[in-house]
C-alpha atoms as a PDB file:
ATOM      1  CA  MET A   1      -8.194  26.847  25.857  1.00  0.00           C
ATOM      2  CA  THR A   2      -9.522  24.356  23.333  1.00  0.00           C
ATOM      3  CA  PRO A   3     -11.236  25.374  20.112  1.00  0.00           C
ATOM      4  CA  PRO A   4     -14.970  24.762  19.897  1.00  0.00           C
ATOM      5  CA  PRO A   5     -15.998  21.553  18.114  1.00  0.00           C
ATOM      6  CA  LEU A   6     -17.009  21.782  14.483  1.00  0.00           C
ATOM      7  CA  GLN A   7     -20.644  21.571  13.593  1.00  0.00           C
ATOM      8  CA  ALA A   8     -21.771  18.295  12.072  1.00  0.00           C
ATOM      9  CA  THR A   9     -22.255  19.612   8.543  1.00  0.00           C
ATOM     10  CA  ARG A  10     -22.032  17.524   5.392  1.00  0.00           C
ATOM     11  CA  PHE A  11     -18.737  19.194   4.473  1.00  0.00           C
ATOM     12  CA  GLU A  12     -17.245  18.432   7.890  1.00  0.00           C
ATOM     13  CA  ARG A  13     -18.336  14.789   7.620  1.00  0.00           C
ATOM     14  CA  LEU A  14     -16.856  14.598   4.118  1.00  0.00           C
ATOM     15  CA  LEU A  15     -13.542  15.986   5.381  1.00  0.00           C
ATOM     16  CA  ARG A  16     -13.515  13.546   8.285  1.00  0.00           C
ATOM     17  CA  GLN A  17     -14.189  10.580   5.968  1.00  0.00           C
ATOM     18  CA  LEU A  18     -11.496  11.784   3.569  1.00  0.00           C
ATOM     19  CA  LEU A  19      -8.924  12.119   6.334  1.00  0.00           C
ATOM     20  CA  ASP A  20      -9.882   8.727   7.782  1.00  0.00           C
ATOM     21  CA  GLY A  21      -9.436   7.182   4.348  1.00  0.00           C
ATOM     22  CA  VAL A  22      -6.040   8.777   3.762  1.00  0.00           C
ATOM     23  CA  PHE A  23      -4.552   8.526   7.254  1.00  0.00           C
ATOM     24  CA  GLY A  24      -6.686   5.697   8.647  1.00  0.00           C
ATOM     25  CA  GLY A  25      -3.846   3.195   8.393  1.00  0.00           C
ATOM     26  CA  LEU A  26      -1.665   5.304  10.661  1.00  0.00           C
ATOM     27  CA  ARG A  27      -4.023   5.115  13.621  1.00  0.00           C
ATOM     28  CA  GLY A  28      -3.407   2.792  16.501  1.00  0.00           C
ATOM     29  CA  SER A  29      -0.444   1.805  18.597  1.00  0.00           C
ATOM     30  CA  TRP A  30       3.172   2.534  17.786  1.00  0.00           C
ATOM     31  CA  ARG A  31       3.617  -1.139  16.859  1.00  0.00           C
ATOM     32  CA  ARG A  32       0.899  -0.935  14.216  1.00  0.00           C
ATOM     33  CA  ARG A  33       2.162   2.366  12.804  1.00  0.00           C
ATOM     34  CA  SER A  34       5.780   1.223  12.668  1.00  0.00           C
ATOM     35  CA  LEU A  35       4.855  -2.075  10.980  1.00  0.00           C
ATOM     36  CA  VAL A  36       2.786  -0.208   8.381  1.00  0.00           C
ATOM     37  CA  VAL A  37       5.599   2.201   7.531  1.00  0.00           C
ATOM     38  CA  LEU A  38       8.249  -0.542   7.566  1.00  0.00           C
ATOM     39  CA  ALA A  39       6.137  -2.682   5.232  1.00  0.00           C
ATOM     40  CA  LEU A  40       5.892   0.204   2.787  1.00  0.00           C
ATOM     41  CA  LEU A  41       9.654   0.781   2.860  1.00  0.00           C
ATOM     42  CA  VAL A  42      10.505  -2.933   2.657  1.00  0.00           C
ATOM     43  CA  GLY A  43       8.123  -3.295  -0.293  1.00  0.00           C
ATOM     44  CA  PHE A  44       9.876  -0.451  -2.067  1.00  0.00           C
ATOM     45  CA  TYR A  45      13.291  -1.962  -1.291  1.00  0.00           C
ATOM     46  CA  LEU A  46      12.245  -5.403  -2.533  1.00  0.00           C
ATOM     47  CA  GLY A  47      10.675  -3.947  -5.665  1.00  0.00           C
ATOM     48  CA  GLN A  48      13.839  -2.043  -6.503  1.00  0.00           C
ATOM     49  CA  ASN A  49      16.097  -5.033  -5.900  1.00  0.00           C
ATOM     50  CA  VAL A  50      13.920  -7.586  -7.674  1.00  0.00           C
ATOM     51  CA  THR A  51      13.610  -5.501 -10.809  1.00  0.00           C
ATOM     52  CA  SER A  52      17.281  -4.488 -10.833  1.00  0.00           C
ATOM     53  CA  LEU A  53      18.549  -7.999 -10.138  1.00  0.00           C
ATOM     54  CA  TRP A  54      16.195  -9.648 -12.574  1.00  0.00           C
ATOM     55  CA  LEU A  55      16.932  -7.168 -15.352  1.00  0.00           C
ATOM     56  CA  THR A  56      20.716  -7.290 -15.007  1.00  0.00           C
ATOM     57  CA  GLN A  57      21.212 -11.027 -14.475  1.00  0.00           C
ATOM     58  CA  VAL A  58      18.396 -12.639 -16.402  1.00  0.00           C
ATOM     59  CA  GLY A  59      17.619  -9.880 -18.876  1.00  0.00           C
ATOM     60  CA  LYS A  60      14.034 -10.958 -19.442  1.00  0.00           C
ATOM     61  CA  ARG A  61      12.034  -7.875 -18.600  1.00  0.00           C
ATOM     62  CA  PRO A  62       8.591  -9.177 -19.692  1.00  0.00           C
ATOM     63  CA  VAL A  63       8.924 -12.260 -17.480  1.00  0.00           C
ATOM     64  CA  ALA A  64       9.807 -10.141 -14.433  1.00  0.00           C
ATOM     65  CA  VAL A  65       6.955  -7.721 -15.019  1.00  0.00           C
ATOM     66  CA  LEU A  66       4.467 -10.533 -15.644  1.00  0.00           C
ATOM     67  CA  GLY A  67       5.500 -12.289 -12.438  1.00  0.00           C
ATOM     68  CA  LEU A  68       5.135  -9.121 -10.365  1.00  0.00           C
ATOM     69  CA  VAL A  69       1.770  -8.272 -11.932  1.00  0.00           C
ATOM     70  CA  LEU A  70       0.453 -11.795 -11.236  1.00  0.00           C
ATOM     71  CA  LEU A  71       1.686 -11.696  -7.651  1.00  0.00           C
ATOM     72  CA  ILE A  72       0.154  -8.268  -7.026  1.00  0.00           C
ATOM     73  CA  GLU A  73      -3.139  -9.303  -8.643  1.00  0.00           C
ATOM     74  CA  LEU A  74      -3.237 -12.429  -6.476  1.00  0.00           C
ATOM     75  CA  VAL A  75      -2.784 -10.370  -3.300  1.00  0.00           C
ATOM     76  CA  VAL A  76      -5.518  -7.926  -4.351  1.00  0.00           C
ATOM     77  CA  ARG A  77      -7.983 -10.703  -5.179  1.00  0.00           C
ATOM     78  CA  LEU A  78      -7.302 -12.582  -1.947  1.00  0.00           C
ATOM     79  CA  ARG A  79      -7.692  -9.419   0.094  1.00  0.00           C
ATOM     80  CA  SER A  80     -10.956  -8.393  -1.534  1.00  0.00           C
ATOM     81  CA  ARG A  81     -12.400 -11.886  -1.119  1.00  0.00           C
ATOM     82  CA  TRP A  82     -11.236 -12.252   2.484  1.00  0.00           C
ATOM     83  CA  LEU A  83     -12.275  -8.790   3.703  1.00  0.00           C
ATOM     84  CA  ALA A  84     -15.635  -8.593   1.913  1.00  0.00           C
ATOM     85  CA  ARG A  85     -17.455  -9.651   5.085  1.00  0.00           C
ATOM     86  CA  GLN A  86     -15.694  -7.256   7.459  1.00  0.00           C
ATOM     87  CA  PRO A  87     -16.471  -3.598   8.186  1.00  0.00           C
ATOM     88  CA  VAL A  88     -14.654  -0.978   6.144  1.00  0.00           C
ATOM     89  CA  GLY A  89     -12.507   0.510   8.911  1.00  0.00           C
ATOM     90  CA  ALA A  90     -11.502  -2.764  10.568  1.00  0.00           C
ATOM     91  CA  VAL A  91      -8.624  -4.012   8.424  1.00  0.00           C
ATOM     92  CA  PRO A  92      -6.500  -6.589  10.269  1.00  0.00           C
ATOM     93  CA  LEU A  93      -2.802  -5.823  10.657  1.00  0.00           C
ATOM     94  CA  PRO A  94      -1.498  -8.632   8.384  1.00  0.00           C
ATOM     95  CA  TRP A  95      -3.629  -7.410   5.489  1.00  0.00           C
ATOM     96  CA  LEU A  96      -2.559  -3.823   6.097  1.00  0.00           C
ATOM     97  CA  VAL A  97       1.087  -4.918   6.024  1.00  0.00           C
ATOM     98  CA  ALA A  98       0.468  -6.930   2.825  1.00  0.00           C
ATOM     99  CA  ASP A  99      -1.205  -3.900   1.220  1.00  0.00           C
ATOM    100  CA  ASN A 100       1.712  -1.654   2.095  1.00  0.00           C
ATOM    101  CA  LEU A 101       4.216  -4.205   0.786  1.00  0.00           C
ATOM    102  CA  ARG A 102       2.223  -4.302  -2.446  1.00  0.00           C
ATOM    103  CA  MET A 103       2.092  -0.514  -2.715  1.00  0.00           C
ATOM    104  CA  GLY A 104       5.844  -0.258  -2.142  1.00  0.00           C
ATOM    105  CA  VAL A 105       6.573  -2.837  -4.844  1.00  0.00           C
ATOM    106  CA  VAL A 106       4.221  -1.152  -7.316  1.00  0.00           C
ATOM    107  CA  TYR A 107       5.800   2.240  -6.655  1.00  0.00           C
ATOM    108  CA  ALA A 108       9.304   0.813  -7.157  1.00  0.00           C
ATOM    109  CA  VAL A 109       8.361  -0.922 -10.422  1.00  0.00           C
ATOM    110  CA  VAL A 110       6.682   2.204 -11.786  1.00  0.00           C
ATOM    111  CA  LEU A 111       9.683   4.305 -10.803  1.00  0.00           C
ATOM    112  CA  GLU A 112      11.996   1.794 -12.506  1.00  0.00           C
ATOM    113  CA  GLY A 113       9.838   2.004 -15.621  1.00  0.00           C
ATOM    114  CA  PHE A 114      10.174   5.793 -15.682  1.00  0.00           C
ATOM    115  CA  LYS A 115      13.937   5.489 -15.247  1.00  0.00           C
ATOM    116  CA  LEU A 116      14.183   3.032 -18.126  1.00  0.00           C
ATOM    117  CA  GLY A 117      11.929   5.138 -20.328  1.00  0.00           C
ATOM    118  CA  SER A 118      13.993   8.298 -20.048  1.00  0.00           C
END
């Protein structure tokens, strides 16, 4: 026995849009989902290793942070310029992977900053 469908109220549409925005990247085939999750984890791994390696061997923290910020800003600008002409829900897989790599690196750098600050 299936539950009856929800009425098309404004609140139900808002919830559906919110859930599509949060979990929209996890829709699709297993290949797409696994690449999205792997990109997030690889981005975190690379962010941890780059900051740790750079800080211990080179010791120039501002240079490492500036390089990562410039790289992340470049990816964001390229993505926004490239995807401006496409519909909102149709993000190609390479850009989704690049976004998740970026989010993983940002999370790792912020976490490293909290570890150094405490």
